[in-house]
Protein backbone atom coordinates (compact mmCIF):
# COMPACT_ATOMS: atom_id res chain seq x y z
CA MET A 1 21.56 46.77 17.43
CA ILE A 2 22.73 43.30 18.41
CA GLU A 3 20.73 40.41 17.04
CA GLN A 4 20.00 37.45 19.22
CA TRP A 5 21.31 34.06 18.06
CA GLN A 6 18.59 31.52 17.38
CA PRO A 7 19.49 27.83 17.40
CA ALA A 8 18.53 25.67 14.45
CA SER A 9 15.13 24.12 14.85
CA ALA A 10 13.25 21.27 13.27
CA SER A 11 11.38 23.83 11.19
CA ASN A 12 14.72 24.64 9.48
CA ALA A 13 15.23 21.01 8.54
CA SER A 14 13.70 19.78 5.33
CA LEU A 15 12.47 16.22 5.35
CA PRO A 16 15.16 13.72 4.36
CA LYS A 17 14.83 12.35 0.85
CA ALA A 18 16.00 8.90 -0.20
CA ASP A 19 18.61 10.25 -2.65
CA GLN A 20 20.13 12.44 0.08
CA LEU A 21 20.16 9.63 2.64
CA GLN A 22 21.89 7.34 0.16
CA GLN A 23 24.83 9.76 0.09
CA LEU A 24 25.57 9.53 3.84
CA PRO A 25 27.30 6.13 3.73
CA ALA A 26 29.91 7.65 1.38
CA ALA A 27 31.51 9.16 4.48
CA LEU A 28 32.04 5.75 6.11
CA VAL A 29 35.58 4.38 6.20
CA ASN A 30 36.15 0.68 6.92
CA SER A 31 32.43 0.15 7.47
CA ASP A 32 32.88 -3.63 7.40
CA SER A 33 35.63 -3.63 10.02
CA ALA A 34 35.54 -3.63 13.81
CA GLU A 35 36.71 0.01 13.82
CA PRO A 36 34.75 1.99 11.24
CA SER A 37 35.02 5.77 11.14
CA ILE A 38 33.68 8.83 9.36
CA ASN A 39 35.59 10.90 6.83
CA GLU A 40 33.83 14.27 7.02
CA SER A 41 35.53 15.53 3.86
CA ALA A 42 33.85 12.76 1.83
CA LEU A 43 30.52 14.60 2.17
CA ASP A 44 29.48 17.97 0.90
CA ALA A 45 29.46 20.41 3.85
CA ALA A 46 25.85 21.37 3.11
CA LEU A 47 24.73 17.73 3.19
CA LEU A 48 26.58 17.16 6.47
CA GLN A 49 24.87 20.21 7.96
CA GLN A 50 21.52 18.98 6.65
CA ALA A 51 22.16 15.51 8.11
CA LYS A 52 22.66 17.14 11.49
CA LEU A 53 19.46 19.19 11.14
CA TRP A 54 17.55 15.99 10.32
CA THR A 55 18.34 14.73 13.82
CA GLN A 56 15.81 17.27 15.10
CA LEU A 57 12.98 15.57 13.20
CA ASN A 58 10.83 12.89 14.75
CA GLU A 59 10.52 9.29 13.64
CA GLU A 60 7.37 9.84 11.59
CA GLN A 61 9.00 12.65 9.63
CA TRP A 62 11.82 10.29 8.67
CA ALA A 63 9.58 7.47 7.47
CA ASP A 64 8.94 8.86 3.98
CA GLY A 65 12.64 9.28 3.24
CA TRP A 66 13.73 5.72 3.84
CA GLY A 67 10.72 3.72 2.76
CA GLU A 68 12.29 2.83 -0.58
CA LEU A 69 15.83 2.16 0.69
CA ASP A 70 17.18 -1.38 0.91
CA ASP A 71 18.22 -2.95 4.21
CA GLN A 72 21.98 -2.58 3.62
CA THR A 73 21.64 1.13 2.86
CA LEU A 74 19.56 1.59 5.99
CA TRP A 75 22.20 -0.25 8.05
CA ASN A 76 24.89 2.07 6.65
CA ILE A 77 22.78 5.15 7.46
CA ALA A 78 22.36 3.88 11.02
CA LEU A 79 26.12 3.28 11.24
CA PHE A 80 26.75 6.80 9.96
CA TYR A 81 24.60 8.34 12.72
CA VAL A 82 26.09 6.15 15.46
CA LEU A 83 29.61 7.11 14.39
CA ALA A 84 28.69 10.78 13.87
CA GLU A 85 27.48 10.97 17.44
CA GLN A 86 30.79 9.58 18.69
CA GLN A 87 33.25 11.20 16.29
CA LEU A 88 31.86 14.58 15.20
CA ASP A 89 31.64 17.69 17.37
CA ASP A 90 28.24 18.63 18.79
CA TRP A 91 26.41 15.51 17.62
CA GLN A 92 25.09 14.34 21.01
CA LEU A 93 21.81 12.75 19.98
CA ALA A 94 20.81 10.35 22.78
CA ASP A 95 17.26 9.06 22.18
CA LYS A 96 16.91 11.27 19.07
CA ASN A 97 19.54 9.36 17.09
CA PRO A 98 18.02 8.42 13.72
CA ALA A 99 19.84 5.07 13.95
CA ILE A 100 17.20 4.07 16.50
CA TRP A 101 14.47 4.67 13.95
CA VAL A 102 16.38 2.75 11.30
CA PHE A 103 16.63 -0.27 13.62
CA ARG A 104 12.91 -0.02 14.37
CA MET A 105 12.10 0.25 10.64
CA LEU A 106 14.13 -2.87 9.88
CA LYS A 107 12.38 -4.72 12.67
CA LYS A 108 8.96 -3.67 11.30
CA ARG A 109 10.00 -4.88 7.85
CA GLY A 110 10.68 -8.30 9.33
CA THR A 111 14.43 -7.99 8.76
CA PRO A 112 15.81 -7.03 12.17
CA VAL A 113 19.53 -6.43 12.50
CA PRO A 114 21.27 -9.68 13.55
CA LYS A 115 22.38 -9.84 17.19
CA ASP A 116 26.08 -9.97 16.27
CA GLN A 117 25.73 -6.69 14.36
CA ILE A 118 23.81 -5.14 17.28
CA LYS A 119 26.64 -6.14 19.64
CA ALA A 120 29.21 -4.70 17.24
CA ILE A 121 27.41 -1.36 16.91
CA LYS A 122 26.88 -1.08 20.67
CA LYS A 123 30.67 -1.36 21.08
CA LEU A 124 31.03 1.73 18.89
CA THR A 125 28.84 3.99 21.03
CA ASP A 126 28.17 5.08 24.58
CA ASN A 127 24.58 5.98 23.65
CA ARG A 128 22.49 3.73 25.89
CA PHE A 129 19.45 4.17 23.61
CA ILE A 130 21.04 2.29 20.71
CA PRO A 131 19.59 0.14 19.12
CA TYR A 132 15.84 0.48 19.82
CA GLY A 133 15.47 3.57 22.00
CA SER A 134 14.07 3.94 25.48
CA VAL A 135 12.76 0.81 27.16
CA LEU A 136 9.83 2.76 28.62
């Protein structure tokens, strides 16, 4: 009997925890330059797979994981997801990119990302939803 393939679903994704999220920026190379990139081998394969599954969660499900993270760590997590979408296979996230939720969280905290950093990150992606999601 042939089994039918079932795609991963949000129910397969555990909620992101702060200690796991803090590991994602370890994959960033030249994060302070105009041309940052991701080094996939810098992350454990299971964590990378989990990071991809987390993209299926909604904004509210993410909120608990990053509440205790500082602004710089959140920025690096957002950068990770923007670069992952551009540089890793099968990471087309569109309006589900967690970077959008990071930018919204920073704005709610009263520490929005400076305009020069927004311009820089928009140059790194063709995702029209970055930084704050849909305008509607």
